[in-house]
Amino acid sequence: MAPQPNKRRRRELKQDRFRDTTLTAFDRLGDQLEGKGRTILYVLAGLVLLGALIGVLRYRSERQSDAARLALGRAITISEAQVSASPQPQTPNSNTPTFTSERERSEKAIKEFQEVAAKYPDPYRETAQYFIATNLLVTDRPRGISELEKLTKAGDDKVAAMAKFALAQTREADGQYDAAAALYRELTGDRQMTITADTLNLRLAAVYEKQGKRQEAADILFRIVETARKGRDKDGKALPTPAAARDAAQKLETLDPARYAQLPPEPTTNPLAL
């Protein structure tokens, strides 16, 4: 039995059959309209060429998207590479280098992301710009903050949300708690939930605690845990406790033991249940 052509080859064969059928019809029409309707033929032929061009551009777009994702993946791998004072030599089959400092790693990552931003269109360009900004926080912090501020207005909503979250974390680290809290609260209104509500509320509670607003922080932590422990699936069974809720419970127990004692009991699951 002959092997079946792959998906791309099947698509090419289908396009070839369409082209041959269409051009054969044009030949017959040309015989009928010879000397009388060449302008019509030119227009129709132009439409066929346009359709073929669209198909080629779509194929090239798919290839470009694949290449952009690969390039972004390589850059992200570098940005997450190991940092060690005594880096191990890179093995022959490894594409991941090691670096002696975070600054060295960030400088290399920035170059990789800059190549992506220069070569590929949005959304890859804005995604690369986001990673450039976060790495600039290591090599040139004021510039990194400035770039994050610009990206909070990015055309890609997810990139804008990630930039806003990174900016909020930066404000928090710099002791600008009012600004950080405002950004965290603003992100809770993100309909796409790029950053989960529990993650945002945990950070907001941490900011309130740093501001001395222990009651506000305890209220947020209590709601996170209470909601998780009361959660049920469509069959009325208890849902597994999310990691964020477990973190919130631990923080609440330390911050306000009396409030922690008011939580509903943690649900138990029957290991024999199907």
Protein backbone atom coordinates (compact mmCIF):
# COMPACT_ATOMS: atom_id res chain seq x y z
CA MET A 1 0.00 0.00 0.00
CA ALA A 2 1.48 3.35 -1.04
CA PRO A 3 2.12 5.83 1.78
CA GLN A 4 -0.41 8.62 2.16
CA PRO A 5 0.85 12.18 1.40
CA ASN A 6 1.24 14.39 4.42
CA LYS A 7 -1.15 17.24 5.21
CA ARG A 8 0.87 19.93 3.44
CA ARG A 9 1.32 17.78 0.32
CA ARG A 10 -2.42 17.00 0.23
CA ARG A 11 -3.13 20.74 0.37
CA GLU A 12 -0.69 21.40 -2.48
CA LEU A 13 -2.25 18.65 -4.60
CA LYS A 14 -5.71 20.06 -3.94
CA GLN A 15 -4.55 23.55 -4.99
CA ASP A 16 -2.96 22.10 -8.16
CA ARG A 17 -6.22 20.34 -9.11
CA PHE A 18 -8.14 23.59 -8.54
CA ARG A 19 -5.68 25.52 -10.68
CA ASP A 20 -5.74 22.97 -13.53
CA THR A 21 -9.54 22.82 -13.54
CA THR A 22 -9.82 26.62 -13.51
CA LEU A 23 -7.27 27.16 -16.29
CA THR A 24 -8.95 24.49 -18.47
CA ALA A 25 -12.23 26.37 -18.08
CA PHE A 26 -10.43 29.59 -19.05
CA ASP A 27 -9.08 27.90 -22.19
CA ARG A 28 -12.61 26.90 -23.24
CA LEU A 29 -13.92 30.37 -22.45
CA GLY A 30 -11.03 31.90 -24.40
CA ASP A 31 -11.96 29.89 -27.49
CA GLN A 32 -15.53 31.15 -27.25
CA LEU A 33 -14.57 34.79 -26.63
CA GLU A 34 -11.47 34.98 -28.83
CA GLY A 35 -11.14 38.49 -30.16
CA LYS A 36 -14.22 39.66 -28.27
CA GLY A 37 -13.59 39.56 -24.53
CA ARG A 38 -9.88 39.54 -23.69
CA THR A 39 -10.36 42.17 -20.98
CA ILE A 40 -12.74 39.85 -19.17
CA LEU A 41 -10.18 37.05 -19.38
CA TYR A 42 -7.47 39.29 -17.98
CA VAL A 43 -9.66 40.20 -15.01
CA LEU A 44 -10.59 36.58 -14.35
CA ALA A 45 -6.99 35.46 -14.67
CA GLY A 46 -6.00 38.20 -12.27
CA LEU A 47 -8.50 36.90 -9.74
CA VAL A 48 -7.08 33.40 -10.02
CA LEU A 49 -3.55 34.73 -9.56
CA LEU A 50 -4.72 36.74 -6.57
CA GLY A 51 -6.25 33.61 -5.04
CA ALA A 52 -3.02 31.71 -5.62
CA LEU A 53 -1.03 34.57 -4.08
CA ILE A 54 -3.27 34.57 -1.01
CA GLY A 55 -2.65 30.83 -0.65
CA VAL A 56 1.11 31.35 -0.89
CA LEU A 57 1.03 34.23 1.59
CA ARG A 58 -1.04 32.13 4.01
CA TYR A 59 1.49 29.31 3.73
CA ARG A 60 4.35 31.76 4.25
CA SER A 61 2.50 33.31 7.20
CA GLU A 62 2.21 29.89 8.84
CA ARG A 63 5.92 29.29 8.31
CA GLN A 64 6.70 32.77 9.68
CA SER A 65 4.59 32.13 12.78
CA ASP A 66 6.39 28.84 13.39
CA ALA A 67 9.76 30.55 12.99
CA ALA A 68 8.73 33.39 15.31
CA ARG A 69 7.60 30.97 18.00
CA LEU A 70 10.86 29.04 17.74
CA ALA A 71 12.90 32.24 17.97
CA LEU A 72 10.91 33.38 21.00
CA GLY A 73 11.37 29.97 22.59
CA ARG A 74 15.14 30.14 22.15
CA ALA A 75 15.27 33.62 23.66
CA ILE A 76 13.10 32.59 26.62
CA THR A 77 15.31 29.56 27.21
CA ILE A 78 18.32 31.87 27.44
CA SER A 79 16.50 34.26 29.80
CA GLU A 80 15.80 31.31 32.12
CA ALA A 81 19.24 29.69 31.83
CA GLN A 82 21.21 28.71 34.90
CA VAL A 83 23.38 31.30 36.64
CA SER A 84 26.42 29.93 38.44
CA ALA A 85 29.67 31.43 39.67
CA SER A 86 31.38 28.37 38.16
CA PRO A 87 29.28 27.51 35.09
CA GLN A 88 29.59 24.04 33.67
CA PRO A 89 30.82 23.74 30.07
CA GLN A 90 27.99 23.40 27.58
CA THR A 91 27.46 19.82 26.46
CA PRO A 92 27.48 19.07 22.69
CA ASN A 93 23.77 18.24 22.59
CA SER A 94 22.67 21.19 24.72
CA ASN A 95 21.50 24.51 23.32
CA THR A 96 21.23 26.15 26.73
CA PRO A 97 24.29 28.05 27.93
CA THR A 98 25.05 28.92 31.53
CA PHE A 99 26.06 32.36 32.78
CA THR A 100 28.19 33.71 35.58
CA SER A 101 25.73 36.46 36.54
CA GLU A 102 22.14 37.58 36.01
CA ARG A 103 23.42 40.66 34.22
CA GLU A 104 25.35 38.57 31.69
CA ARG A 105 22.31 36.38 31.12
CA SER A 106 20.00 39.37 30.70
CA GLU A 107 22.34 41.06 28.22
CA LYS A 108 22.38 37.92 26.07
CA ALA A 109 18.61 37.49 26.35
CA ILE A 110 17.99 41.11 25.37
CA LYS A 111 19.97 40.63 22.15
CA GLU A 112 17.96 37.53 21.29
CA PHE A 113 14.62 39.24 21.95
CA GLN A 114 15.71 42.31 19.98
CA GLU A 115 16.30 40.08 16.95
CA VAL A 116 12.77 38.70 17.30
CA ALA A 117 11.28 42.20 17.66
CA ALA A 118 13.16 43.42 14.58
CA LYS A 119 12.29 40.44 12.37
CA TYR A 120 8.70 39.51 13.19
CA PRO A 121 5.41 41.48 13.38
CA ASP A 122 2.96 41.70 16.27
CA PRO A 123 2.04 39.90 18.43
CA TYR A 124 5.57 38.46 18.46
CA ARG A 125 7.16 41.90 18.39
CA GLU A 126 5.27 43.15 21.46
CA THR A 127 5.87 39.89 23.30
CA ALA A 128 9.60 40.21 22.64
CA GLN A 129 9.50 43.85 23.76
CA TYR A 130 7.92 42.73 27.05
CA PHE A 131 10.78 40.31 27.70
CA ILE A 132 13.30 42.98 26.71
CA ALA A 133 11.78 45.33 29.30
CA THR A 134 11.83 42.72 32.08
CA ASN A 135 15.48 41.91 31.36
CA LEU A 136 16.33 45.60 31.28
CA LEU A 137 15.23 45.71 34.92
CA VAL A 138 18.52 43.89 35.59
CA THR A 139 20.81 45.83 33.26
CA ASP A 140 19.18 49.29 33.15
CA ARG A 141 16.35 49.48 35.67
CA PRO A 142 15.03 53.01 34.85
CA ARG A 143 14.85 52.16 31.16
CA GLY A 144 13.18 48.83 31.92
CA ILE A 145 10.51 50.59 33.99
CA SER A 146 9.98 53.12 31.22
CA GLU A 147 9.53 50.35 28.64
CA LEU A 148 7.07 48.50 30.89
CA GLU A 149 5.03 51.70 31.27
CA LYS A 150 4.80 52.00 27.49
CA LEU A 151 3.79 48.35 27.12
CA THR A 152 0.87 48.74 29.54
CA LYS A 153 -0.81 50.35 26.52
CA ALA A 154 0.24 47.63 24.06
CA GLY A 155 -2.16 46.56 21.34
CA ASP A 156 -2.06 42.98 22.58
CA ASP A 157 -4.18 42.89 25.73
CA LYS A 158 -2.23 39.98 27.21
CA VAL A 159 1.09 41.75 26.73
CA ALA A 160 -0.40 44.89 28.29
CA ALA A 161 -1.60 42.90 31.32
CA MET A 162 1.75 41.15 31.77
CA ALA A 163 3.57 44.48 31.54
CA LYS A 164 1.23 46.00 34.09
CA PHE A 165 1.79 43.08 36.47
CA ALA A 166 5.58 43.31 36.08
CA LEU A 167 5.36 47.06 36.67
CA ALA A 168 3.26 46.50 39.81
CA GLN A 169 5.85 44.05 41.14
CA THR A 170 8.58 46.60 40.41
CA ARG A 171 6.67 49.33 42.26
CA GLU A 172 6.20 46.96 45.19
CA ALA A 173 9.91 46.07 45.26
CA ASP A 174 10.76 49.78 45.21
CA GLY A 175 8.49 50.47 48.18
CA GLN A 176 5.92 52.39 46.11
CA TYR A 177 3.05 50.53 47.72
CA ASP A 178 0.18 52.84 46.74
CA ALA A 179 1.17 52.64 43.07
CA ALA A 180 1.61 48.85 43.27
CA ALA A 181 -1.75 48.33 44.96
CA ALA A 182 -3.49 50.49 42.35
CA LEU A 183 -2.04 48.38 39.53
CA TYR A 184 -2.97 45.09 41.21
CA ARG A 185 -6.53 46.30 41.76
CA GLU A 186 -6.76 47.48 38.17
CA LEU A 187 -5.65 44.08 36.91
CA THR A 188 -8.42 42.30 38.83
CA GLY A 189 -10.80 43.86 36.30
CA ASP A 190 -9.05 42.16 33.37
CA ARG A 191 -11.76 40.13 31.65
CA GLN A 192 -9.25 37.82 30.01
CA MET A 193 -7.76 36.99 33.42
CA THR A 194 -4.24 36.95 31.99
CA ILE A 195 -3.05 36.98 35.60
CA THR A 196 -5.29 34.88 37.87
CA ALA A 197 -7.40 36.65 40.48
CA ASP A 198 -5.84 34.62 43.30
CA THR A 199 -2.33 35.62 42.23
CA LEU A 200 -3.32 39.30 42.10
CA ASN A 201 -5.10 39.14 45.45
CA LEU A 202 -2.12 37.44 47.11
CA ARG A 203 0.15 40.25 45.92
CA LEU A 204 -2.40 42.87 46.99
CA ALA A 205 -2.62 41.32 50.45
CA ALA A 206 1.19 41.37 50.69
CA VAL A 207 1.22 45.07 49.82
CA TYR A 208 -1.46 45.84 52.42
CA GLU A 209 0.54 43.96 55.04
CA LYS A 210 3.64 46.00 54.19
CA GLN A 211 1.57 49.17 54.55
CA GLY A 212 0.43 48.05 58.00
CA LYS A 213 -3.12 47.38 56.78
CA ARG A 214 -3.32 44.00 58.46
CA GLN A 215 -7.13 43.88 58.56
CA GLU A 216 -7.42 44.53 54.81
CA ALA A 217 -4.78 41.90 54.11
CA ALA A 218 -6.49 39.36 56.35
CA ASP A 219 -9.85 39.99 54.65
CA ILE A 220 -8.36 39.24 51.22
CA LEU A 221 -6.61 36.10 52.41
CA PHE A 222 -9.75 34.87 54.18
CA ARG A 223 -11.85 35.28 51.01
CA ILE A 224 -9.32 33.39 48.89
CA VAL A 225 -9.29 30.40 51.23
CA GLU A 226 -13.02 30.45 51.96
CA THR A 227 -13.93 30.49 48.27
CA ALA A 228 -11.57 27.61 47.53
CA ARG A 229 -12.82 25.45 50.40
CA LYS A 230 -16.46 25.98 49.45
CA GLY A 231 -15.85 25.21 45.78
CA ARG A 232 -17.76 22.28 44.33
CA ASP A 233 -17.82 20.60 40.94
CA LYS A 234 -20.98 19.91 38.93
CA ASP A 235 -21.59 16.76 40.98
CA GLY A 236 -21.35 18.64 44.26
CA LYS A 237 -17.97 17.17 45.17
CA ALA A 238 -15.24 19.26 46.76
CA LEU A 239 -12.64 20.63 44.38
CA PRO A 240 -8.91 20.22 45.00
CA THR A 241 -7.46 23.16 46.92
CA PRO A 242 -5.44 25.43 44.60
CA ALA A 243 -1.85 26.24 45.50
CA ALA A 244 -2.75 29.93 45.88
CA ALA A 245 -5.39 29.07 48.48
CA ARG A 246 -2.91 26.95 50.43
CA ASP A 247 -0.44 29.85 50.40
CA ALA A 248 -3.17 32.22 51.51
CA ALA A 249 -4.12 29.91 54.39
CA GLN A 250 -0.55 29.77 55.64
CA LYS A 251 -0.16 33.53 55.46
CA LEU A 252 -3.49 34.12 57.20
CA GLU A 253 -2.60 31.72 60.02
CA THR A 254 0.55 33.76 60.68
CA LEU A 255 -1.02 37.17 60.15
CA ASP A 256 -4.30 36.70 62.05
CA PRO A 257 -4.70 33.35 63.85
CA ALA A 258 -8.14 34.30 65.19
CA ARG A 259 -9.43 34.99 61.68
CA TYR A 260 -7.84 31.81 60.42
CA ALA A 261 -9.82 29.84 63.02
CA GLN A 262 -13.06 31.17 61.46
CA LEU A 263 -12.38 29.50 58.11
CA PRO A 264 -14.65 26.64 57.03
CA PRO A 265 -12.93 23.27 57.48
CA GLU A 266 -10.74 22.09 54.66
CA PRO A 267 -12.73 19.61 52.55
CA THR A 268 -11.65 15.99 52.52
CA THR A 269 -11.85 13.77 49.48
CA ASN A 270 -12.71 10.10 49.48
CA PRO A 271 -9.77 8.23 47.90
CA LEU A 272 -12.12 5.40 46.92
CA ALA A 273 -14.55 7.69 45.12
CA LEU A 274 -14.68 7.18 41.38
